[in-house]
Amino acid sequence: MSGEDVSVMSGDFDGEPEAVAAIARAMDERRSLVLMRARYGRETDVNGVVVNLANVVSARVSKTASAEAGQYL
């Protein structure tokens, strides 16, 4: 089974630890992650985004939006 990498940039968290905790909590509770200040992929507009974590295998969290940082939520 294959999927695609998704990049979501969000200003909903103060830092990496908060983002990782929110992602882990949502995955443990088998619910979606709701972001109010996010950009999806290469979009320039900031919108509300609902991330369905049902099929997420891993998530990388980074303060930078560079290729070296990889994909992140």
N, C-alpha and C. Protein backbone atom coordinates (compact mmCIF):
# COMPACT_ATOMS: atom_id res chain seq x y z
N MET A 1 0.86 -1.17 0.00
CA MET A 1 0.00 0.00 0.00
C MET A 1 0.90 1.23 0.00
N SER A 2 0.54 2.20 -0.81
CA SER A 2 1.36 3.40 -0.87
C SER A 2 0.50 4.63 -0.63
N GLY A 3 1.13 5.72 -0.35
CA GLY A 3 0.42 6.97 -0.09
C GLY A 3 1.25 8.12 -0.60
N GLU A 4 0.88 9.30 -0.21
CA GLU A 4 1.62 10.47 -0.63
C GLU A 4 2.06 11.26 0.59
N ASP A 5 3.17 11.97 0.43
CA ASP A 5 3.63 12.86 1.50
C ASP A 5 2.79 14.12 1.47
N VAL A 6 2.41 14.59 2.63
CA VAL A 6 1.59 15.79 2.74
C VAL A 6 2.33 16.78 3.63
N SER A 7 2.36 18.02 3.21
CA SER A 7 3.00 19.07 3.99
C SER A 7 1.93 20.04 4.47
N VAL A 8 1.86 20.22 5.79
CA VAL A 8 0.93 21.17 6.38
C VAL A 8 1.75 22.08 7.29
N MET A 9 1.72 23.38 7.00
CA MET A 9 2.41 24.34 7.85
C MET A 9 1.37 25.02 8.72
N SER A 10 1.63 25.05 10.02
CA SER A 10 0.63 25.56 10.95
C SER A 10 1.23 26.50 11.98
N GLY A 11 0.49 27.54 12.29
CA GLY A 11 0.86 28.46 13.36
C GLY A 11 0.04 28.20 14.61
N ASP A 12 -0.57 27.03 14.69
CA ASP A 12 -1.45 26.71 15.81
C ASP A 12 -0.70 26.33 17.08
N PHE A 13 0.61 26.08 16.98
CA PHE A 13 1.37 25.62 18.13
C PHE A 13 2.51 26.59 18.43
N ASP A 14 2.89 26.67 19.71
CA ASP A 14 3.98 27.54 20.12
C ASP A 14 5.34 26.97 19.74
N GLY A 15 5.42 25.67 19.62
CA GLY A 15 6.69 25.04 19.29
C GLY A 15 6.53 23.58 18.94
N GLU A 16 7.65 22.94 18.67
CA GLU A 16 7.65 21.54 18.26
C GLU A 16 7.05 20.61 19.32
N PRO A 17 7.40 20.77 20.61
CA PRO A 17 6.84 19.85 21.61
C PRO A 17 5.31 19.87 21.66
N GLU A 18 4.73 21.06 21.53
CA GLU A 18 3.27 21.18 21.55
C GLU A 18 2.65 20.50 20.33
N ALA A 19 3.28 20.66 19.17
CA ALA A 19 2.77 20.04 17.95
C ALA A 19 2.82 18.52 18.04
N VAL A 20 3.95 17.99 18.50
CA VAL A 20 4.09 16.54 18.64
C VAL A 20 3.07 16.00 19.64
N ALA A 21 2.88 16.68 20.76
CA ALA A 21 1.91 16.23 21.76
C ALA A 21 0.49 16.23 21.20
N ALA A 22 0.13 17.27 20.43
CA ALA A 22 -1.22 17.34 19.85
C ALA A 22 -1.43 16.24 18.83
N ILE A 23 -0.42 15.97 18.00
CA ILE A 23 -0.53 14.91 16.99
C ILE A 23 -0.66 13.55 17.68
N ALA A 24 0.19 13.30 18.67
CA ALA A 24 0.15 12.01 19.38
C ALA A 24 -1.18 11.81 20.09
N ARG A 25 -1.69 12.87 20.72
CA ARG A 25 -2.97 12.77 21.44
C ARG A 25 -4.11 12.46 20.46
N ALA A 26 -4.12 13.14 19.32
CA ALA A 26 -5.17 12.91 18.32
C ALA A 26 -5.08 11.49 17.77
N MET A 27 -3.86 11.00 17.55
CA MET A 27 -3.71 9.63 17.04
C MET A 27 -4.17 8.61 18.09
N ASP A 28 -3.80 8.83 19.36
CA ASP A 28 -4.21 7.92 20.43
C ASP A 28 -5.73 7.88 20.59
N GLU A 29 -6.36 9.02 20.42
CA GLU A 29 -7.81 9.12 20.58
C GLU A 29 -8.56 8.81 19.29
N ARG A 30 -7.82 8.43 18.24
CA ARG A 30 -8.40 8.07 16.94
C ARG A 30 -9.34 9.15 16.41
N ARG A 31 -8.84 10.37 16.42
CA ARG A 31 -9.64 11.48 15.92
C ARG A 31 -8.80 12.32 14.96
N SER A 32 -9.44 13.21 14.28
CA SER A 32 -8.76 14.10 13.36
C SER A 32 -8.08 15.23 14.12
N LEU A 33 -7.07 15.82 13.50
CA LEU A 33 -6.39 16.97 14.05
C LEU A 33 -6.95 18.21 13.35
N VAL A 34 -7.45 19.15 14.12
CA VAL A 34 -8.04 20.36 13.56
C VAL A 34 -7.06 21.51 13.76
N LEU A 35 -6.67 22.13 12.65
CA LEU A 35 -5.76 23.27 12.68
C LEU A 35 -6.50 24.49 12.17
N MET A 36 -6.42 25.58 12.90
CA MET A 36 -7.15 26.79 12.52
C MET A 36 -6.30 27.76 11.70
N ARG A 37 -4.98 27.67 11.83
CA ARG A 37 -4.08 28.58 11.10
C ARG A 37 -3.06 27.75 10.34
N ALA A 38 -3.47 27.19 9.21
CA ALA A 38 -2.60 26.27 8.49
C ALA A 38 -2.59 26.54 6.99
N ARG A 39 -1.49 26.13 6.37
CA ARG A 39 -1.37 26.14 4.91
C ARG A 39 -1.11 24.71 4.48
N TYR A 40 -1.78 24.29 3.43
CA TYR A 40 -1.65 22.93 2.92
C TYR A 40 -0.77 22.94 1.69
N GLY A 41 0.25 22.09 1.67
CA GLY A 41 1.13 22.00 0.52
C GLY A 41 1.79 23.33 0.24
N ARG A 42 1.70 23.78 -0.99
CA ARG A 42 2.35 25.04 -1.38
C ARG A 42 1.35 26.20 -1.49
N GLU A 43 0.16 26.02 -0.95
CA GLU A 43 -0.82 27.11 -0.98
C GLU A 43 -0.29 28.30 -0.19
N THR A 44 -0.72 29.49 -0.58
CA THR A 44 -0.26 30.69 0.13
C THR A 44 -1.27 31.19 1.15
N ASP A 45 -2.53 30.78 1.01
CA ASP A 45 -3.58 31.22 1.94
C ASP A 45 -3.55 30.42 3.23
N VAL A 46 -3.84 31.09 4.34
CA VAL A 46 -3.96 30.43 5.63
C VAL A 46 -5.43 30.10 5.84
N ASN A 47 -5.72 28.85 6.15
CA ASN A 47 -7.09 28.37 6.30
C ASN A 47 -7.20 27.43 7.50
N GLY A 48 -8.41 27.01 7.77
CA GLY A 48 -8.64 25.93 8.71
C GLY A 48 -8.45 24.62 7.97
N VAL A 49 -7.77 23.66 8.58
CA VAL A 49 -7.49 22.37 7.95
C VAL A 49 -7.83 21.26 8.93
N VAL A 50 -8.51 20.24 8.47
CA VAL A 50 -8.78 19.04 9.27
C VAL A 50 -7.91 17.93 8.70
N VAL A 51 -7.05 17.35 9.53
CA VAL A 51 -6.15 16.30 9.10
C VAL A 51 -6.68 14.98 9.64
N ASN A 52 -7.06 14.07 8.73
CA ASN A 52 -7.52 12.75 9.11
C ASN A 52 -6.30 11.89 9.41
N LEU A 53 -6.10 11.52 10.66
CA LEU A 53 -4.92 10.78 11.07
C LEU A 53 -5.10 9.27 11.02
N ALA A 54 -6.21 8.81 10.46
CA ALA A 54 -6.49 7.38 10.44
C ALA A 54 -5.42 6.59 9.70
N ASN A 55 -4.87 7.13 8.64
CA ASN A 55 -3.88 6.40 7.84
C ASN A 55 -2.47 6.99 7.93
N VAL A 56 -2.24 7.84 8.91
CA VAL A 56 -0.92 8.44 9.07
C VAL A 56 0.01 7.44 9.73
N VAL A 57 1.17 7.23 9.11
CA VAL A 57 2.16 6.31 9.65
C VAL A 57 3.17 7.06 10.50
N SER A 58 3.59 8.23 10.03
CA SER A 58 4.53 9.04 10.80
C SER A 58 4.33 10.50 10.45
N ALA A 59 4.82 11.35 11.32
CA ALA A 59 4.75 12.79 11.10
C ALA A 59 6.05 13.40 11.59
N ARG A 60 6.58 14.32 10.80
CA ARG A 60 7.78 15.04 11.20
C ARG A 60 7.37 16.46 11.56
N VAL A 61 7.95 16.97 12.62
CA VAL A 61 7.63 18.33 13.06
C VAL A 61 8.91 19.14 13.03
N SER A 62 8.85 20.32 12.44
CA SER A 62 10.02 21.16 12.29
C SER A 62 9.64 22.63 12.34
N LYS A 63 10.54 23.47 12.80
CA LYS A 63 10.29 24.91 12.81
C LYS A 63 10.55 25.55 11.46
N THR A 64 11.25 24.85 10.58
CA THR A 64 11.57 25.41 9.27
C THR A 64 10.78 24.70 8.18
N ALA A 65 10.59 25.39 7.07
CA ALA A 65 9.85 24.83 5.94
C ALA A 65 10.80 24.55 4.79
N SER A 66 11.89 23.87 5.07
CA SER A 66 12.87 23.58 4.04
C SER A 66 12.80 22.12 3.63
N ALA A 67 13.37 21.81 2.47
CA ALA A 67 13.37 20.44 1.99
C ALA A 67 14.15 19.53 2.93
N GLU A 68 15.19 20.07 3.58
CA GLU A 68 16.00 19.28 4.50
C GLU A 68 15.21 18.83 5.72
N ALA A 69 14.20 19.62 6.10
CA ALA A 69 13.40 19.30 7.29
C ALA A 69 12.42 18.17 7.01
N GLY A 70 12.10 17.92 5.76
CA GLY A 70 11.16 16.87 5.41
C GLY A 70 9.72 17.34 5.56
N GLN A 71 8.82 16.42 5.44
CA GLN A 71 7.39 16.72 5.55
C GLN A 71 7.01 16.79 7.01
N TYR A 72 6.10 17.65 7.32
CA TYR A 72 5.71 17.79 8.71
C TYR A 72 4.28 18.27 8.85
N LEU A 73 3.76 18.07 10.03
CA LEU A 73 2.42 18.56 10.38
C LEU A 73 2.59 19.68 11.40
